[in-house]
């Protein structure tokens, strides 16, 4: 049985590896530890810090979690992340990924997550990409297993329409249009 998330939120971390010097916040339910002093959890909170990239994430997961390959829920919201790094694609059991409130500016970054077949929930609102025309359609068409996006359900109709939209309409801009650009 697995316990509550490893909570490293609000620790003023500038990079992921800064978490090595931190002790996870106490949860209402106690964190369970194995014989190697690793936490029995499948979820981690690194939200509300100042993290700009994910260099060292795999090391941090191995440092804190008894079974890092089973990570199913990761909260990286409200940081300063600008791109979706390949390390996230190696988390094959990832089901829930919170990336809202970051600085992701290119919509094509989402395409990298396509290989995560178990990913059913993602948040990306509060990033610059949210302002790109076709944002929701693009994300849904790239991540066909999604059930929830930005805290709202993804309907069957949206999945069908996003597939049609993506194959028949010109792909969306990868970044918001500057005021000086014309259509």
Protein backbone atom coordinates (compact mmCIF):
# COMPACT_ATOMS: atom_id res chain seq x y z
CA UNK A 1 0.00 0.00 0.00
CA UNK A 2 1.23 3.46 -0.84
CA UNK A 3 1.01 6.60 1.22
CA UNK A 4 0.37 10.29 0.62
CA UNK A 5 2.44 12.44 -1.76
CA UNK A 6 6.00 13.42 -0.96
CA UNK A 7 5.40 17.12 -0.42
CA UNK A 8 8.29 19.39 -1.38
CA UNK A 9 6.07 22.33 -2.26
CA UNK A 10 6.69 25.90 -1.06
CA UNK A 11 10.35 25.15 -0.31
CA UNK A 12 11.78 28.00 -2.43
CA UNK A 13 13.68 25.50 -4.60
CA UNK A 14 15.52 27.04 -7.55
CA UNK A 15 16.23 23.68 -9.14
CA UNK A 16 15.03 20.14 -8.60
CA UNK A 17 18.23 18.98 -6.92
CA UNK A 18 17.79 21.58 -4.17
CA UNK A 19 15.20 19.15 -2.81
CA UNK A 20 18.04 16.96 -1.52
CA UNK A 21 18.52 19.37 1.36
CA UNK A 22 14.83 19.34 2.27
CA UNK A 23 12.62 17.18 4.40
CA UNK A 24 9.16 16.53 2.93
CA UNK A 25 6.31 18.36 4.61
CA UNK A 26 4.29 16.27 7.05
CA UNK A 27 0.95 15.12 5.73
CA UNK A 28 -2.20 14.38 7.71
CA UNK A 29 -1.55 10.74 6.95
CA UNK A 30 1.99 9.76 7.94
CA UNK A 31 4.51 9.04 5.22
CA UNK A 32 5.45 5.37 5.09
CA UNK A 33 9.11 4.41 4.78
CA UNK A 34 10.71 1.14 3.67
CA UNK A 35 13.80 -0.51 5.18
CA UNK A 36 16.07 1.72 3.05
CA UNK A 37 14.41 4.92 4.36
CA UNK A 38 12.70 5.52 1.02
CA UNK A 39 9.11 6.70 0.93
CA UNK A 40 6.33 4.36 -0.13
CA UNK A 41 4.51 6.79 -2.36
CA UNK A 42 3.55 7.07 -6.02
CA UNK A 43 3.16 10.83 -6.00
CA UNK A 44 5.30 13.92 -5.50
CA UNK A 45 4.64 17.63 -5.07
CA UNK A 46 7.30 20.06 -6.26
CA UNK A 47 4.82 22.87 -6.87
CA UNK A 48 5.10 26.52 -5.86
CA UNK A 49 8.86 26.77 -6.08
CA UNK A 50 11.17 28.58 -8.52
CA UNK A 51 12.21 25.54 -10.57
CA UNK A 52 13.22 26.44 -14.14
CA UNK A 53 14.17 23.00 -15.52
CA UNK A 54 13.99 19.34 -14.56
CA UNK A 55 17.69 18.50 -14.53
CA UNK A 56 18.17 15.89 -11.82
CA UNK A 57 14.51 14.86 -11.53
CA UNK A 58 15.27 11.17 -11.98
CA UNK A 59 17.89 11.40 -9.20
CA UNK A 60 15.46 13.13 -6.85
CA UNK A 61 12.80 10.52 -7.53
CA UNK A 62 15.29 7.73 -6.79
CA UNK A 63 16.45 9.55 -3.66
CA UNK A 64 12.98 9.89 -2.15
CA UNK A 65 10.87 7.06 -3.58
CA UNK A 66 11.13 3.32 -2.94
CA UNK A 67 9.87 2.64 -6.48
CA UNK A 68 10.44 5.74 -8.63
CA UNK A 69 9.38 3.92 -11.80
CA UNK A 70 5.85 3.68 -10.36
CA UNK A 71 5.40 7.45 -10.02
CA UNK A 72 1.84 8.12 -11.09
CA UNK A 73 1.19 11.71 -9.98
CA UNK A 74 3.55 14.68 -10.26
CA UNK A 75 2.77 18.29 -9.39
CA UNK A 76 5.18 20.78 -10.96
CA UNK A 77 2.69 23.65 -11.03
CA UNK A 78 3.52 27.26 -10.23
CA UNK A 79 7.22 27.14 -11.03
CA UNK A 80 9.21 28.77 -13.85
CA UNK A 81 9.50 25.78 -16.19
CA UNK A 82 9.83 26.84 -19.84
CA UNK A 83 9.87 23.48 -21.63
CA UNK A 84 8.72 19.90 -21.20
CA UNK A 85 11.87 17.87 -20.79
CA UNK A 86 12.40 14.29 -21.92
CA UNK A 87 12.75 13.06 -18.33
CA UNK A 88 8.96 13.33 -18.00
CA UNK A 89 8.53 10.93 -20.93
CA UNK A 90 10.51 8.31 -19.05
CA UNK A 91 7.85 8.22 -16.32
CA UNK A 92 5.81 5.53 -18.06
CA UNK A 93 3.33 5.08 -15.18
CA UNK A 94 2.57 8.80 -14.94
CA UNK A 95 -1.19 9.32 -14.91
CA UNK A 96 -1.52 12.88 -13.56
CA UNK A 97 0.78 15.78 -14.43
CA UNK A 98 0.25 19.31 -13.18
CA UNK A 99 2.20 21.93 -15.13
CA UNK A 100 -0.14 24.92 -14.76
CA UNK A 101 1.26 28.30 -13.80
CA UNK A 102 4.65 27.88 -15.48
CA UNK A 103 6.34 29.63 -18.42
CA UNK A 104 5.84 27.08 -21.21
CA UNK A 105 5.60 29.18 -24.36
CA UNK A 106 5.68 26.68 -27.26
CA UNK A 107 2.64 24.49 -27.90
CA UNK A 108 4.79 21.84 -29.61
CA UNK A 109 6.32 21.07 -26.19
CA UNK A 110 3.13 19.12 -25.43
CA UNK A 111 3.89 16.73 -28.31
CA UNK A 112 6.75 15.27 -26.26
CA UNK A 113 4.26 13.75 -23.82
CA UNK A 114 2.54 11.72 -26.52
CA UNK A 115 4.36 8.53 -25.53
CA UNK A 116 2.86 8.58 -22.02
CA UNK A 117 0.00 6.15 -22.62
CA UNK A 118 -1.20 6.20 -19.01
CA UNK A 119 -1.42 10.00 -18.79
CA UNK A 120 -5.10 10.82 -18.31
CA UNK A 121 -4.96 14.18 -16.51
CA UNK A 122 -2.88 17.25 -17.33
CA UNK A 123 -2.99 20.92 -16.41
CA UNK A 124 -1.31 23.52 -18.61
CA UNK A 125 -3.43 26.63 -18.02
CA UNK A 126 -1.56 29.68 -16.81
CA UNK A 127 1.25 29.08 -19.33
CA UNK A 128 1.78 31.28 -22.38
CA UNK A 129 0.59 28.39 -24.61
CA UNK A 130 -2.91 28.80 -23.22
CA UNK A 131 -3.22 31.92 -25.42
CA UNK A 132 -2.39 30.09 -28.66
CA UNK A 133 -5.38 29.62 -30.95
CA UNK A 134 -6.35 25.95 -30.97
CA UNK A 135 -4.60 25.26 -27.64
CA UNK A 136 -7.16 22.82 -26.23
CA UNK A 137 -7.69 21.03 -29.55
CA UNK A 138 -3.95 20.61 -30.02
CA UNK A 139 -3.37 19.18 -26.53
CA UNK A 140 -6.31 16.77 -26.81
CA UNK A 141 -5.23 15.57 -30.26
CA UNK A 142 -1.62 15.02 -29.09
CA UNK A 143 -2.64 13.22 -25.89
CA UNK A 144 -5.50 10.93 -26.94
CA UNK A 145 -5.79 9.18 -23.56
CA UNK A 146 -6.69 12.38 -21.69
CA UNK A 147 -9.80 12.33 -19.53
CA UNK A 148 -9.22 15.69 -17.84
CA UNK A 149 -7.42 18.82 -18.97
CA UNK A 150 -7.07 22.01 -16.97
CA UNK A 151 -9.42 20.64 -14.30
CA UNK A 152 -12.29 19.98 -16.70
CA UNK A 153 -13.43 16.79 -18.37
CA UNK A 154 -12.40 15.94 -21.92
CA UNK A 155 -15.52 14.74 -23.69
CA UNK A 156 -15.77 12.15 -26.44
CA UNK A 157 -17.03 14.88 -28.74
CA UNK A 158 -13.95 17.02 -28.00
CA UNK A 159 -11.69 14.07 -28.84
CA UNK A 160 -13.42 13.53 -32.18
CA UNK A 161 -13.48 17.23 -33.02
CA UNK A 162 -9.84 17.75 -32.05
CA UNK A 163 -8.78 14.88 -34.33
CA UNK A 164 -10.78 16.35 -37.21
CA UNK A 165 -9.50 19.83 -36.43
CA UNK A 166 -5.88 18.69 -36.29
CA UNK A 167 -6.03 16.76 -39.57
CA UNK A 168 -8.09 19.27 -41.57
CA UNK A 169 -7.16 22.70 -40.27
CA UNK A 170 -3.75 24.29 -40.40
CA UNK A 171 -1.80 23.44 -37.25
CA UNK A 172 -1.96 26.14 -34.59
CA UNK A 173 0.79 28.65 -34.07
CA UNK A 174 3.32 27.30 -31.64
CA UNK A 175 3.44 30.58 -29.77
CA UNK A 176 1.06 33.49 -29.26
CA UNK A 177 0.98 36.06 -32.03
CA UNK A 178 2.75 39.37 -31.44
CA UNK A 179 0.60 42.47 -31.83
CA UNK A 180 2.86 43.51 -34.71
CA UNK A 181 2.15 40.33 -36.74
CA UNK A 182 -0.70 40.11 -39.24
CA UNK A 183 -2.72 36.98 -40.14
